[in-house]
Amino acid sequence: MMSGMMNLPWISHNLTVLDSNDPSLVGVSGTVVNETKRTIVVRTESREISLAKDVITFTIDSGDPIIGSRVTQRAEERIGRRY
């Protein structure tokens, strides 16, 4: 299922990692502070963490799951893309 959040800016929205190739990232939750072509920077309660998009499945504002490897483009390119 594709989320409507895929075509919206994610900065200042809440992100939660649902699944990852790195088990230590599962459950990471925080506010998106930056997005690049391949990473998302999230501010958690204790620190800022850079997440590689291609190894995580996540939600934005508890919406539908987003498979990170499908959104490995810059935010401005992702916003105008059809999924």
PDB file of N, CA and C in Angstrom:
ATOM      1  N   MET A   1       0.842  -1.176   0.000  1.00  0.00           N
ATOM      2  CA  MET A   1       0.000   0.000   0.000  1.00  0.00           C
ATOM      3  C   MET A   1       0.887   1.238   0.000  1.00  0.00           C
ATOM      4  N   MET A   2       0.601   2.191  -0.845  1.00  0.00           N
ATOM      5  CA  MET A   2       1.374   3.416  -0.930  1.00  0.00           C
ATOM      6  C   MET A   2       0.714   4.494  -0.077  1.00  0.00           C
ATOM      7  N   SER A   3       1.530   5.237   0.596  1.00  0.00           N
ATOM      8  CA  SER A   3       1.047   6.269   1.493  1.00  0.00           C
ATOM      9  C   SER A   3       0.972   7.620   0.795  1.00  0.00           C
ATOM     10  N   GLY A   4      -0.024   8.415   1.134  1.00  0.00           N
ATOM     11  CA  GLY A   4      -0.113   9.765   0.627  1.00  0.00           C
ATOM     12  C   GLY A   4       1.038  10.628   1.114  1.00  0.00           C
ATOM     13  N   MET A   5       1.686  10.237   2.217  1.00  0.00           N
ATOM     14  CA  MET A   5       2.825  10.978   2.751  1.00  0.00           C
ATOM     15  C   MET A   5       4.040  10.898   1.839  1.00  0.00           C
ATOM     16  N   MET A   6       4.060   9.965   0.912  1.00  0.00           N
ATOM     17  CA  MET A   6       5.220   9.827   0.036  1.00  0.00           C
ATOM     18  C   MET A   6       5.408  11.069  -0.824  1.00  0.00           C
ATOM     19  N   ASN A   7       4.345  11.795  -1.100  1.00  0.00           N
ATOM     20  CA  ASN A   7       4.426  12.968  -1.963  1.00  0.00           C
ATOM     21  C   ASN A   7       4.392  14.282  -1.191  1.00  0.00           C
ATOM     22  N   LEU A   8       4.587  14.219   0.104  1.00  0.00           N
ATOM     23  CA  LEU A   8       4.595  15.425   0.930  1.00  0.00           C
ATOM     24  C   LEU A   8       5.962  15.604   1.568  1.00  0.00           C
ATOM     25  N   PRO A   9       6.335  16.834   1.933  1.00  0.00           N
ATOM     26  CA  PRO A   9       7.582  17.038   2.664  1.00  0.00           C
ATOM     27  C   PRO A   9       7.514  16.346   4.031  1.00  0.00           C
ATOM     28  N   TRP A  10       8.622  15.753   4.445  1.00  0.00           N
ATOM     29  CA  TRP A  10       8.650  15.022   5.719  1.00  0.00           C
ATOM     30  C   TRP A  10       9.281  15.798   6.849  1.00  0.00           C
ATOM     31  N   ILE A  11       9.962  16.900   6.559  1.00  0.00           N
ATOM     32  CA  ILE A  11      10.624  17.691   7.596  1.00  0.00           C
ATOM     33  C   ILE A  11       9.575  18.107   8.637  1.00  0.00           C
ATOM     34  N   SER A  12       9.915  17.934   9.900  1.00  0.00           N
ATOM     35  CA  SER A  12       9.107  18.256  11.087  1.00  0.00           C
ATOM     36  C   SER A  12       7.999  17.239  11.373  1.00  0.00           C
ATOM     37  N   HIS A  13       7.910  16.180  10.589  1.00  0.00           N
ATOM     38  CA  HIS A  13       6.943  15.119  10.874  1.00  0.00           C
ATOM     39  C   HIS A  13       7.615  14.016  11.689  1.00  0.00           C
ATOM     40  N   ASN A  14       6.805  13.210  12.360  1.00  0.00           N
ATOM     41  CA  ASN A  14       7.325  12.117  13.176  1.00  0.00           C
ATOM     42  C   ASN A  14       7.532  10.868  12.338  1.00  0.00           C
ATOM     43  N   LEU A  15       8.702  10.256  12.489  1.00  0.00           N
ATOM     44  CA  LEU A  15       9.067   9.040  11.774  1.00  0.00           C
ATOM     45  C   LEU A  15       9.297   7.925  12.788  1.00  0.00           C
ATOM     46  N   THR A  16       8.825   6.715  12.464  1.00  0.00           N
ATOM     47  CA  THR A  16       9.088   5.529  13.285  1.00  0.00           C
ATOM     48  C   THR A  16       9.562   4.415  12.373  1.00  0.00           C
ATOM     49  N   VAL A  17      10.700   3.803  12.720  1.00  0.00           N
ATOM     50  CA  VAL A  17      11.247   2.699  11.937  1.00  0.00           C
ATOM     51  C   VAL A  17      10.525   1.419  12.345  1.00  0.00           C
ATOM     52  N   LEU A  18       9.908   0.751  11.366  1.00  0.00           N
ATOM     53  CA  LEU A  18       9.176  -0.497  11.613  1.00  0.00           C
ATOM     54  C   LEU A  18      10.046  -1.726  11.398  1.00  0.00           C
ATOM     55  N   ASP A  19      10.933  -1.661  10.399  1.00  0.00           N
ATOM     56  CA  ASP A  19      11.765  -2.810  10.041  1.00  0.00           C
ATOM     57  C   ASP A  19      13.072  -2.289   9.464  1.00  0.00           C
ATOM     58  N   SER A  20      14.146  -3.060   9.651  1.00  0.00           N
ATOM     59  CA  SER A  20      15.445  -2.653   9.135  1.00  0.00           C
ATOM     60  C   SER A  20      16.366  -3.855   9.023  1.00  0.00           C
ATOM     61  N   ASN A  21      17.337  -3.758   8.101  1.00  0.00           N
ATOM     62  CA  ASN A  21      18.390  -4.771   8.031  1.00  0.00           C
ATOM     63  C   ASN A  21      19.249  -4.719   9.285  1.00  0.00           C
ATOM     64  N   ASP A  22      19.292  -3.568   9.957  1.00  0.00           N
ATOM     65  CA  ASP A  22      20.022  -3.373  11.205  1.00  0.00           C
ATOM     66  C   ASP A  22      19.010  -3.409  12.352  1.00  0.00           C
ATOM     67  N   PRO A  23      18.986  -4.501  13.134  1.00  0.00           N
ATOM     68  CA  PRO A  23      17.986  -4.639  14.206  1.00  0.00           C
ATOM     69  C   PRO A  23      18.016  -3.509  15.233  1.00  0.00           C
ATOM     70  N   SER A  24      19.146  -2.828  15.387  1.00  0.00           N
ATOM     71  CA  SER A  24      19.223  -1.752  16.381  1.00  0.00           C
ATOM     72  C   SER A  24      18.415  -0.522  15.966  1.00  0.00           C
ATOM     73  N   LEU A  25      18.026  -0.440  14.698  1.00  0.00           N
ATOM     74  CA  LEU A  25      17.247   0.709  14.224  1.00  0.00           C
ATOM     75  C   LEU A  25      15.742   0.509  14.383  1.00  0.00           C
ATOM     76  N   VAL A  26      15.291  -0.727  14.535  1.00  0.00           N
ATOM     77  CA  VAL A  26      13.856  -0.989  14.668  1.00  0.00           C
ATOM     78  C   VAL A  26      13.346  -0.323  15.944  1.00  0.00           C
ATOM     79  N   GLY A  27      12.304   0.472  15.792  1.00  0.00           N
ATOM     80  CA  GLY A  27      11.728   1.184  16.930  1.00  0.00           C
ATOM     81  C   GLY A  27      12.238   2.601  17.094  1.00  0.00           C
ATOM     82  N   VAL A  28      13.269   2.994  16.341  1.00  0.00           N
ATOM     83  CA  VAL A  28      13.747   4.375  16.417  1.00  0.00           C
ATOM     84  C   VAL A  28      12.608   5.297  16.003  1.00  0.00           C
ATOM     85  N   SER A  29      12.396   6.330  16.785  1.00  0.00           N
ATOM     86  CA  SER A  29      11.294   7.245  16.523  1.00  0.00           C
ATOM     87  C   SER A  29      11.736   8.658  16.853  1.00  0.00           C
ATOM     88  N   GLY A  30      11.319   9.600  16.030  1.00  0.00           N
ATOM     89  CA  GLY A  30      11.664  10.985  16.285  1.00  0.00           C
ATOM     90  C   GLY A  30      11.166  11.893  15.186  1.00  0.00           C
ATOM     91  N   THR A  31      11.613  13.130  15.222  1.00  0.00           N
ATOM     92  CA  THR A  31      11.195  14.149  14.275  1.00  0.00           C
ATOM     93  C   THR A  31      12.206  14.255  13.139  1.00  0.00           C
ATOM     94  N   VAL A  32      11.724  14.250  11.908  1.00  0.00           N
ATOM     95  CA  VAL A  32      12.593  14.384  10.747  1.00  0.00           C
ATOM     96  C   VAL A  32      13.122  15.821  10.712  1.00  0.00           C
ATOM     97  N   VAL A  33      14.462  15.959  10.670  1.00  0.00           N
ATOM     98  CA  VAL A  33      15.067  17.294  10.616  1.00  0.00           C
ATOM     99  C   VAL A  33      15.763  17.559   9.280  1.00  0.00           C
ATOM    100  N   ASN A  34      16.034  16.501   8.502  1.00  0.00           N
ATOM    101  CA  ASN A  34      16.657  16.683   7.194  1.00  0.00           C
ATOM    102  C   ASN A  34      16.432  15.426   6.361  1.00  0.00           C
ATOM    103  N   GLU A  35      16.427  15.613   5.042  1.00  0.00           N
ATOM    104  CA  GLU A  35      16.307  14.481   4.128  1.00  0.00           C
ATOM    105  C   GLU A  35      17.206  14.726   2.935  1.00  0.00           C
ATOM    106  N   THR A  36      17.995  13.717   2.567  1.00  0.00           N
ATOM    107  CA  THR A  36      18.809  13.777   1.359  1.00  0.00           C
ATOM    108  C   THR A  36      18.349  12.658   0.433  1.00  0.00           C
ATOM    109  N   LYS A  37      19.070  12.479  -0.647  1.00  0.00           N
ATOM    110  CA  LYS A  37      18.702  11.435  -1.609  1.00  0.00           C
ATOM    111  C   LYS A  37      18.691  10.052  -0.960  1.00  0.00           C
ATOM    112  N   ARG A  38      19.645   9.785  -0.096  1.00  0.00           N
ATOM    113  CA  ARG A  38      19.780   8.442   0.457  1.00  0.00           C
ATOM    114  C   ARG A  38      19.587   8.340   1.971  1.00  0.00           C
ATOM    115  N   THR A  39      19.419   9.474   2.658  1.00  0.00           N
ATOM    116  CA  THR A  39      19.289   9.415   4.121  1.00  0.00           C
ATOM    117  C   THR A  39      18.166  10.297   4.636  1.00  0.00           C
ATOM    118  N   ILE A  40      17.747   9.975   5.845  1.00  0.00           N
ATOM    119  CA  ILE A  40      16.798  10.787   6.603  1.00  0.00           C
ATOM    120  C   ILE A  40      17.440  11.015   7.968  1.00  0.00           C
ATOM    121  N   VAL A  41      17.508  12.275   8.409  1.00  0.00           N
ATOM    122  CA  VAL A  41      18.050  12.584   9.730  1.00  0.00           C
ATOM    123  C   VAL A  41      16.875  12.808  10.676  1.00  0.00           C
ATOM    124  N   VAL A  42      16.897  12.064  11.790  1.00  0.00           N
ATOM    125  CA  VAL A  42      15.806  12.092  12.758  1.00  0.00           C
ATOM    126  C   VAL A  42      16.351  12.548  14.109  1.00  0.00           C
ATOM    127  N   ARG A  43      15.651  13.470  14.756  1.00  0.00           N
ATOM    128  CA  ARG A  43      16.009  13.894  16.109  1.00  0.00           C
ATOM    129  C   ARG A  43      15.159  13.095  17.093  1.00  0.00           C
ATOM    130  N   THR A  44      15.820  12.229  17.865  1.00  0.00           N
ATOM    131  CA  THR A  44      15.138  11.458  18.895  1.00  0.00           C
ATOM    132  C   THR A  44      15.210  12.252  20.198  1.00  0.00           C
ATOM    133  N   GLU A  45      14.752  11.670  21.293  1.00  0.00           N
ATOM    134  CA  GLU A  45      14.809  12.366  22.581  1.00  0.00           C
ATOM    135  C   GLU A  45      16.244  12.603  23.029  1.00  0.00           C
ATOM    136  N   SER A  46      17.174  11.729  22.607  1.00  0.00           N
ATOM    137  CA  SER A  46      18.538  11.833  23.120  1.00  0.00           C
ATOM    138  C   SER A  46      19.587  12.288  22.103  1.00  0.00           C
ATOM    139  N   ARG A  47      19.296  12.191  20.783  1.00  0.00           N
ATOM    140  CA  ARG A  47      20.321  12.523  19.789  1.00  0.00           C
ATOM    141  C   ARG A  47      19.707  12.632  18.405  1.00  0.00           C
ATOM    142  N   GLU A  48      20.554  13.042  17.444  1.00  0.00           N
ATOM    143  CA  GLU A  48      20.149  13.003  16.042  1.00  0.00           C
ATOM    144  C   GLU A  48      20.791  11.784  15.413  1.00  0.00           C
ATOM    145  N   ILE A  49      20.025  11.063  14.604  1.00  0.00           N
ATOM    146  CA  ILE A  49      20.524   9.846  13.965  1.00  0.00           C
ATOM    147  C   ILE A  49      20.232   9.914  12.476  1.00  0.00           C
ATOM    148  N   SER A  50      21.214   9.520  11.680  1.00  0.00           N
ATOM    149  CA  SER A  50      21.061   9.487  10.236  1.00  0.00           C
ATOM    150  C   SER A  50      20.693   8.071   9.825  1.00  0.00           C
ATOM    151  N   LEU A  51      19.577   7.927   9.129  1.00  0.00           N
ATOM    152  CA  LEU A  51      19.074   6.618   8.715  1.00  0.00           C
ATOM    153  C   LEU A  51      19.209   6.471   7.204  1.00  0.00           C
ATOM    154  N   ALA A  52      19.809   5.385   6.756  1.00  0.00           N
ATOM    155  CA  ALA A  52      19.882   5.100   5.320  1.00  0.00           C
ATOM    156  C   ALA A  52      18.502   4.653   4.850  1.00  0.00           C
ATOM    157  N   LYS A  53      17.964   5.322   3.855  1.00  0.00           N
ATOM    158  CA  LYS A  53      16.621   4.990   3.381  1.00  0.00           C
ATOM    159  C   LYS A  53      16.520   3.558   2.860  1.00  0.00           C
ATOM    160  N   ASP A  54      17.570   3.084   2.191  1.00  0.00           N
ATOM    161  CA  ASP A  54      17.463   1.787   1.518  1.00  0.00           C
ATOM    162  C   ASP A  54      17.476   0.582   2.440  1.00  0.00           C
ATOM    163  N   VAL A  55      17.629   0.760   3.756  1.00  0.00           N
ATOM    164  CA  VAL A  55      17.644  -0.392   4.668  1.00  0.00           C
ATOM    165  C   VAL A  55      16.509  -0.345   5.692  1.00  0.00           C
ATOM    166  N   ILE A  56      15.574   0.621   5.553  1.00  0.00           N
ATOM    167  CA  ILE A  56      14.500   0.726   6.542  1.00  0.00           C
ATOM    168  C   ILE A  56      13.118   0.725   5.894  1.00  0.00           C
ATOM    169  N   THR A  57      12.148   0.291   6.673  1.00  0.00           N
ATOM    170  CA  THR A  57      10.730   0.475   6.383  1.00  0.00           C
ATOM    171  C   THR A  57      10.206   1.313   7.538  1.00  0.00           C
ATOM    172  N   PHE A  58       9.471   2.371   7.237  1.00  0.00           N
ATOM    173  CA  PHE A  58       9.097   3.319   8.280  1.00  0.00           C
ATOM    174  C   PHE A  58       7.711   3.897   8.037  1.00  0.00           C
ATOM    175  N   THR A  59       7.212   4.605   9.032  1.00  0.00           N
ATOM    176  CA  THR A  59       5.969   5.351   8.887  1.00  0.00           C
ATOM    177  C   THR A  59       6.254   6.815   9.167  1.00  0.00           C
ATOM    178  N   ILE A  60       5.451   7.666   8.567  1.00  0.00           N
ATOM    179  CA  ILE A  60       5.465   9.097   8.855  1.00  0.00           C
ATOM    180  C   ILE A  60       4.130   9.409   9.512  1.00  0.00           C
ATOM    181  N   ASP A  61       4.189   9.978  10.701  1.00  0.00           N
ATOM    182  CA  ASP A  61       2.978  10.312  11.477  1.00  0.00           C
ATOM    183  C   ASP A  61       2.047   9.112  11.615  1.00  0.00           C
ATOM    184  N   SER A  62       2.607   7.935  11.844  1.00  0.00           N
ATOM    185  CA  SER A  62       1.850   6.690  12.054  1.00  0.00           C
ATOM    186  C   SER A  62       0.943   6.328  10.886  1.00  0.00           C
ATOM    187  N   GLY A  63       1.318   6.747   9.690  1.00  0.00           N
ATOM    188  CA  GLY A  63       0.531   6.418   8.495  1.00  0.00           C
ATOM    189  C   GLY A  63       0.894   5.048   7.954  1.00  0.00           C
ATOM    190  N   ASP A  64       0.663   4.865   6.665  1.00  0.00           N
ATOM    191  CA  ASP A  64       0.984   3.595   6.011  1.00  0.00           C
ATOM    192  C   ASP A  64       2.495   3.382   5.974  1.00  0.00           C
ATOM    193  N   PRO A  65       2.940   2.118   6.025  1.00  0.00           N
ATOM    194  CA  PRO A  65       4.377   1.838   5.929  1.00  0.00           C
ATOM    195  C   PRO A  65       4.948   2.291   4.590  1.00  0.00           C
ATOM    196  N   ILE A  66       6.168   2.819   4.645  1.00  0.00           N
ATOM    197  CA  ILE A  66       6.892   3.268   3.461  1.00  0.00           C
ATOM    198  C   ILE A  66       8.173   2.458   3.377  1.00  0.00           C
ATOM    199  N   ILE A  67       8.400   1.823   2.247  1.00  0.00           N
ATOM    200  CA  ILE A  67       9.622   1.049   2.030  1.00  0.00           C
ATOM    201  C   ILE A  67      10.696   2.024   1.567  1.00  0.00           C
ATOM    202  N   GLY A  68      11.721   2.197   2.383  1.00  0.00           N
ATOM    203  CA  GLY A  68      12.739   3.208   2.128  1.00  0.00           C
ATOM    204  C   GLY A  68      13.429   3.085   0.787  1.00  0.00           C
ATOM    205  N   SER A  69      13.656   1.870   0.321  1.00  0.00           N
ATOM    206  CA  SER A  69      14.355   1.691  -0.958  1.00  0.00           C
ATOM    207  C   SER A  69      13.542   2.212  -2.139  1.00  0.00           C
ATOM    208  N   ARG A  70      12.255   2.445  -1.956  1.00  0.00           N
ATOM    209  CA  ARG A  70      11.413   2.974  -3.041  1.00  0.00           C
ATOM    210  C   ARG A  70      11.412   4.493  -3.089  1.00  0.00           C
ATOM    211  N   VAL A  71      12.010   5.131  -2.074  1.00  0.00           N
ATOM    212  CA  VAL A  71      12.004   6.599  -2.023  1.00  0.00           C
ATOM    213  C   VAL A  71      13.432   7.147  -1.934  1.00  0.00           C
ATOM    214  N   THR A  72      14.358   6.511  -2.653  1.00  0.00           N
ATOM    215  CA  THR A  72      15.753   6.964  -2.630  1.00  0.00           C
ATOM    216  C   THR A  72      15.989   8.013  -3.716  1.00  0.00           C
ATOM    217  N   GLN A  73      15.322   9.137  -3.558  1.00  0.00           N
ATOM    218  CA  GLN A  73      15.562  10.297  -4.392  1.00  0.00           C
ATOM    219  C   GLN A  73      15.456  11.534  -3.499  1.00  0.00           C
ATOM    220  N   ARG A  74      15.903  12.663  -4.025  1.00  0.00           N
ATOM    221  CA  ARG A  74      15.819  13.885  -3.236  1.00  0.00           C
ATOM    222  C   ARG A  74      14.360  14.228  -2.975  1.00  0.00           C
ATOM    223  N   ALA A  75      14.129  14.934  -1.873  1.00  0.00           N
ATOM    224  CA  ALA A  75      12.760  15.277  -1.476  1.00  0.00           C
ATOM    225  C   ALA A  75      12.012  15.994  -2.593  1.00  0.00           C
ATOM    226  N   GLU A  76      12.672  16.927  -3.255  1.00  0.00           N
ATOM    227  CA  GLU A  76      11.983  17.683  -4.310  1.00  0.00           C
ATOM    228  C   GLU A  76      11.622  16.814  -5.502  1.00  0.00           C
ATOM    229  N   GLU A  77      12.379  15.747  -5.739  1.00  0.00           N
ATOM    230  CA  GLU A  77      12.041  14.803  -6.807  1.00  0.00           C
ATOM    231  C   GLU A  77      10.937  13.839  -6.353  1.00  0.00           C
ATOM    232  N   ARG A  78      10.992  13.436  -5.096  1.00  0.00           N
ATOM    233  CA  ARG A  78      10.001  12.503  -4.547  1.00  0.00           C
ATOM    234  C   ARG A  78       8.612  13.127  -4.511  1.00  0.00           C
ATOM    235  N   ILE A  79       8.547  14.413  -4.179  1.00  0.00           N
ATOM    236  CA  ILE A  79       7.261  15.088  -4.030  1.00  0.00           C
ATOM    237  C   ILE A  79       6.475  15.112  -5.339  1.00  0.00           C
ATOM    238  N   GLY A  80       7.159  15.276  -6.465  1.00  0.00           N
ATOM    239  CA  GLY A  80       6.477  15.341  -7.755  1.00  0.00           C
ATOM    240  C   GLY A  80       6.298  14.005  -8.448  1.00  0.00           C
ATOM    241  N   ARG A  81       6.804  12.942  -7.857  1.00  0.00           N
ATOM    242  CA  ARG A  81       6.763  11.621  -8.503  1.00  0.00           C
ATOM    243  C   ARG A  81       5.437  10.906  -8.243  1.00  0.00           C
ATOM    244  N   ARG A  82       5.027  10.117  -9.223  1.00  0.00           N
ATOM    245  CA  ARG A  82       3.822   9.285  -9.054  1.00  0.00           C
ATOM    246  C   ARG A  82       4.241   7.896  -8.605  1.00  0.00           C
ATOM    247  N   TYR A  83       3.555   7.384  -7.588  1.00  0.00           N
ATOM    248  CA  TYR A  83       3.852   6.023  -7.066  1.00  0.00           C
ATOM    249  C   TYR A  83       2.716   5.098  -7.379  1.00  0.00           C
TER     250      TYR A  83
END
